[in-house]
Amino acid sequence: MSEQPGPPDLEYERIYRDGGGIPWDIGEPQPALAELVGLGWCQGRILDIGCGTGELGLALAARGHSVTGLDLAPSAVAMARRKAAERGLDAEFAVADATEPGDIGPFDTVLDSGLLHCLQPPAQRRYVAVLRRICRPGGRVGVLCFADVPGARTPDRGRLTERALRELFADGWDLEALEPADILGLIPDGLGEMSDWPRDGDGRTPMTGWRLRAHRATA
């Protein structure tokens, strides 16, 4: 993902390898996607794309789902595999570039917890094309990403407008819902205004996001 606006590939790997504070790893699935899991929205064979240390995929596996998790960082995948073994859960985790994942799928459900907003626009378009290729007709995609709206509380880079999301999922998709959703992060002290944003009782900062749900068109 060399076109992403955040840390380059090796920097993501270093962050996971060092394990000294991963801002997006809150030790559980993001609540906005955990809600979909709890509601039974996720069906069939499931892909957790950009899985990080595997909390979302493992939550799905704990409910008996068939789950594959992919991430670009080998250390993240190693951590996810270790968690699966420690918890006695059956889930497959592998290293892959989400914009060029190779011959995978098809999947009935794909979940993206904060990957889309890590990509620059050309890579976003390639990525959404990959999602369409690996989803079965009628398959569903759930995406959680930073929102570009007035007063948004997010990092400076990676935000998506409502229009941008609708355009990305215009061709070959049926949009089920696009709604505001919090994204929780662990923001350390010393980062200026970001460190002053409100935190919940567990020290996590709610940031401004979108939750998108779409189905691959069958026609």
Protein backbone atom coordinates (compact mmCIF):
# COMPACT_ATOMS: atom_id res chain seq x y z
CA MET A 1 0.00 0.00 0.00
CA SER A 2 2.70 2.46 -0.89
CA GLU A 3 0.14 5.10 -1.87
CA GLN A 4 -1.47 5.38 1.54
CA PRO A 5 -1.23 8.77 3.29
CA GLY A 6 -0.38 7.30 6.67
CA PRO A 7 2.82 5.47 7.71
CA PRO A 8 4.55 3.57 4.89
CA ASP A 9 4.47 -0.21 4.80
CA LEU A 10 7.59 -0.72 6.91
CA GLU A 11 6.36 1.81 9.46
CA TYR A 12 3.16 -0.16 10.04
CA GLU A 13 5.26 -3.27 10.52
CA ARG A 14 7.52 -1.44 13.00
CA ILE A 15 4.54 -0.20 15.01
CA TYR A 16 3.16 -3.73 15.36
CA ARG A 17 6.58 -5.28 15.95
CA ASP A 18 7.50 -2.83 18.71
CA GLY A 19 4.09 -3.25 20.38
CA GLY A 20 4.53 -0.07 22.39
CA GLY A 21 1.11 1.43 21.77
CA ILE A 22 -0.94 0.89 18.63
CA PRO A 23 -3.41 3.79 18.41
CA TRP A 24 -6.05 1.88 16.43
CA ASP A 25 -5.81 -1.34 18.45
CA ILE A 26 -8.30 -0.94 21.34
CA GLY A 27 -8.18 -4.58 22.45
CA GLU A 28 -11.62 -5.41 21.07
CA PRO A 29 -13.58 -4.86 17.85
CA GLN A 30 -14.69 -1.33 17.06
CA PRO A 31 -18.20 -0.99 18.57
CA ALA A 32 -19.72 0.12 15.24
CA LEU A 33 -18.71 -3.19 13.65
CA ALA A 34 -19.24 -5.27 16.78
CA GLU A 35 -22.86 -4.12 16.59
CA LEU A 36 -23.19 -5.67 13.13
CA VAL A 37 -21.72 -8.92 14.45
CA GLY A 38 -24.19 -8.95 17.34
CA LEU A 39 -27.15 -8.26 15.08
CA GLY A 40 -26.30 -11.23 12.87
CA TRP A 41 -25.64 -9.03 9.85
CA CYS A 42 -22.45 -10.94 9.04
CA GLN A 43 -23.17 -14.16 7.18
CA GLY A 44 -21.45 -17.10 5.56
CA ARG A 45 -17.74 -17.05 4.82
CA ILE A 46 -16.26 -13.81 6.21
CA LEU A 47 -13.14 -11.78 5.40
CA ASP A 48 -11.67 -9.32 7.92
CA ILE A 49 -9.57 -7.21 5.57
CA GLY A 50 -6.84 -5.13 7.19
CA CYS A 51 -7.35 -7.29 10.28
CA GLY A 52 -4.53 -5.92 12.44
CA THR A 53 -4.12 -8.07 15.54
CA GLY A 54 -7.36 -9.91 14.78
CA GLU A 55 -9.89 -8.77 17.39
CA LEU A 56 -12.77 -8.43 14.93
CA GLY A 57 -12.07 -11.70 13.16
CA LEU A 58 -11.71 -13.51 16.47
CA ALA A 59 -15.03 -12.12 17.71
CA LEU A 60 -16.62 -13.58 14.59
CA ALA A 61 -14.84 -16.91 15.05
CA ALA A 62 -16.10 -17.05 18.63
CA ARG A 63 -19.63 -16.96 17.23
CA GLY A 64 -18.88 -19.93 14.96
CA HIS A 65 -18.24 -18.07 11.71
CA SER A 66 -15.70 -19.17 9.10
CA VAL A 67 -13.20 -16.27 9.13
CA THR A 68 -10.13 -15.23 7.18
CA GLY A 69 -8.10 -12.18 8.21
CA LEU A 70 -5.60 -10.37 5.98
CA ASP A 71 -3.09 -7.67 6.86
CA LEU A 72 -0.03 -6.16 5.24
CA ALA A 73 2.08 -6.28 8.42
CA PRO A 74 3.58 -9.70 9.23
CA SER A 75 3.85 -8.86 12.93
CA ALA A 76 0.14 -8.03 13.10
CA VAL A 77 -0.71 -11.37 11.50
CA ALA A 78 1.61 -13.19 13.93
CA MET A 79 -0.16 -11.52 16.86
CA ALA A 80 -3.58 -12.47 15.47
CA ARG A 81 -2.50 -16.09 15.04
CA ARG A 82 -1.14 -16.17 18.58
CA LYS A 83 -4.41 -14.79 19.99
CA ALA A 84 -6.40 -17.39 18.05
CA ALA A 85 -4.25 -20.19 19.49
CA GLU A 86 -4.48 -18.80 23.03
CA ARG A 87 -8.27 -18.53 22.82
CA GLY A 88 -8.76 -21.86 21.09
CA LEU A 89 -10.46 -20.25 18.10
CA ASP A 90 -10.41 -21.45 14.50
CA ALA A 91 -9.56 -18.51 12.24
CA GLU A 92 -7.11 -18.14 9.36
CA PHE A 93 -4.78 -15.12 9.23
CA ALA A 94 -2.41 -14.33 6.36
CA VAL A 95 -0.17 -11.54 5.06
CA ALA A 96 -1.50 -9.80 1.95
CA ASP A 97 -1.84 -6.39 0.28
CA ALA A 98 -5.55 -5.52 0.21
CA THR A 99 -5.22 -3.84 -3.18
CA GLU A 100 -3.54 -6.95 -4.69
CA PRO A 101 -4.54 -9.89 -2.49
CA GLY A 102 -4.18 -12.58 -5.12
CA ASP A 103 -6.62 -15.39 -5.76
CA ILE A 104 -8.91 -15.35 -2.72
CA GLY A 105 -12.62 -15.70 -2.07
CA PRO A 106 -15.37 -15.67 -2.80
CA PHE A 107 -16.71 -14.32 0.49
CA ASP A 108 -20.25 -13.71 1.70
CA THR A 109 -19.25 -10.85 4.02
CA VAL A 110 -16.23 -8.54 4.06
CA LEU A 111 -15.52 -6.20 6.99
CA ASP A 112 -13.10 -3.26 6.86
CA SER A 113 -12.28 -1.67 10.20
CA GLY A 114 -10.24 1.38 9.26
CA LEU A 115 -8.42 0.24 6.13
CA LEU A 116 -10.12 2.27 3.40
CA HIS A 117 -9.11 5.60 4.92
CA CYS A 118 -5.44 4.51 4.90
CA LEU A 119 -5.40 4.49 1.09
CA GLN A 120 -5.01 7.34 -1.36
CA PRO A 121 -7.80 7.76 -3.95
CA PRO A 122 -6.23 5.66 -6.76
CA ALA A 123 -5.61 2.81 -4.31
CA GLN A 124 -9.11 3.22 -2.87
CA ARG A 125 -10.59 2.61 -6.31
CA ARG A 126 -8.44 -0.49 -6.84
CA TYR A 127 -9.37 -1.73 -3.40
CA VAL A 128 -13.12 -1.36 -3.94
CA ALA A 129 -12.72 -3.18 -7.26
CA VAL A 130 -11.02 -6.00 -5.32
CA LEU A 131 -13.94 -6.06 -2.87
CA ARG A 132 -16.35 -6.49 -5.75
CA ARG A 133 -14.24 -9.29 -7.24
CA ILE A 134 -13.96 -11.29 -4.02
CA CYS A 135 -17.60 -10.89 -2.88
CA ARG A 136 -20.22 -13.33 -4.06
CA PRO A 137 -23.15 -11.76 -5.94
CA GLY A 138 -25.36 -10.43 -3.16
CA GLY A 139 -22.43 -10.54 -0.74
CA ARG A 140 -22.15 -7.75 1.80
CA VAL A 141 -19.45 -5.28 2.78
CA GLY A 142 -19.22 -3.29 6.00
CA VAL A 143 -16.73 -0.40 6.10
CA LEU A 144 -15.75 1.83 9.02
CA CYS A 145 -13.70 4.89 8.05
CA PHE A 146 -12.89 8.45 9.09
CA ALA A 147 -15.44 11.05 8.01
CA ASP A 148 -14.73 14.37 6.32
CA VAL A 149 -17.52 16.53 7.76
CA PRO A 150 -17.57 19.97 9.40
CA GLY A 151 -16.06 19.79 12.87
CA ALA A 152 -14.75 16.26 12.36
CA ARG A 153 -12.53 14.95 15.14
CA THR A 154 -10.06 12.78 13.20
CA PRO A 155 -6.39 12.81 12.19
CA ASP A 156 -5.69 15.37 9.46
CA ARG A 157 -5.31 12.79 6.68
CA GLY A 158 -7.47 9.99 5.40
CA ARG A 159 -10.96 11.45 5.82
CA LEU A 160 -13.67 10.60 3.29
CA THR A 161 -16.66 12.71 2.39
CA GLU A 162 -20.11 11.22 2.01
CA ARG A 163 -19.92 11.98 -1.70
CA ALA A 164 -16.57 10.19 -2.07
CA LEU A 165 -17.94 7.06 -0.40
CA ARG A 166 -21.08 7.07 -2.49
CA GLU A 167 -18.99 7.41 -5.66
CA LEU A 168 -16.67 4.57 -4.65
CA PHE A 169 -19.62 2.25 -4.13
CA ALA A 170 -21.76 3.50 -7.02
CA ASP A 171 -20.96 0.91 -9.70
CA GLY A 172 -21.75 -2.71 -8.99
CA TRP A 173 -23.07 -2.13 -5.48
CA ASP A 174 -26.42 -1.61 -3.77
CA LEU A 175 -25.93 0.78 -0.85
CA GLU A 176 -27.80 -0.41 2.22
CA ALA A 177 -26.80 2.34 4.67
CA LEU A 178 -24.27 5.12 5.18
CA GLU A 179 -24.42 6.57 8.66
CA PRO A 180 -22.26 8.42 11.21
CA ALA A 181 -20.32 6.18 13.60
CA ASP A 182 -17.65 6.64 16.24
CA ILE A 183 -14.17 5.20 15.74
CA LEU A 184 -12.34 4.66 19.02
CA GLY A 185 -8.60 5.26 19.26
CA LEU A 186 -5.86 5.43 21.86
CA ILE A 187 -4.30 8.87 21.45
CA PRO A 188 -1.19 9.44 23.57
CA ASP A 189 -0.35 12.67 25.34
CA GLY A 190 1.85 15.19 23.59
CA LEU A 191 0.02 15.34 20.25
CA GLY A 192 -1.38 18.83 20.67
CA GLU A 193 -5.10 19.30 20.09
CA MET A 194 -5.68 15.60 19.45
CA SER A 195 -4.48 14.72 22.95
CA ASP A 196 -7.08 17.12 24.40
CA TRP A 197 -10.03 15.43 22.69
CA PRO A 198 -12.49 13.78 25.14
CA ARG A 199 -11.81 10.22 26.28
CA ASP A 200 -14.15 7.56 27.59
CA GLY A 201 -13.73 5.72 30.86
CA ASP A 202 -11.22 3.36 29.27
CA GLY A 203 -9.04 6.17 27.93
CA ARG A 204 -10.27 5.82 24.36
CA THR A 205 -11.04 8.82 22.16
CA PRO A 206 -14.22 8.69 20.03
CA MET A 207 -13.40 10.05 16.57
CA THR A 208 -15.71 10.98 13.71
CA GLY A 209 -16.47 8.22 11.25
CA TRP A 210 -18.81 6.65 8.73
CA ARG A 211 -20.24 3.16 8.77
CA LEU A 212 -21.13 1.96 5.29
CA ARG A 213 -23.06 -1.20 4.46
CA ALA A 214 -23.41 -2.33 0.86
CA HIS A 215 -24.27 -5.44 -1.13
CA ARG A 216 -22.60 -6.55 -4.33
CA ALA A 217 -25.19 -6.10 -7.06
CA THR A 218 -26.53 -9.31 -8.52
CA ALA A 219 -27.41 -7.87 -11.94
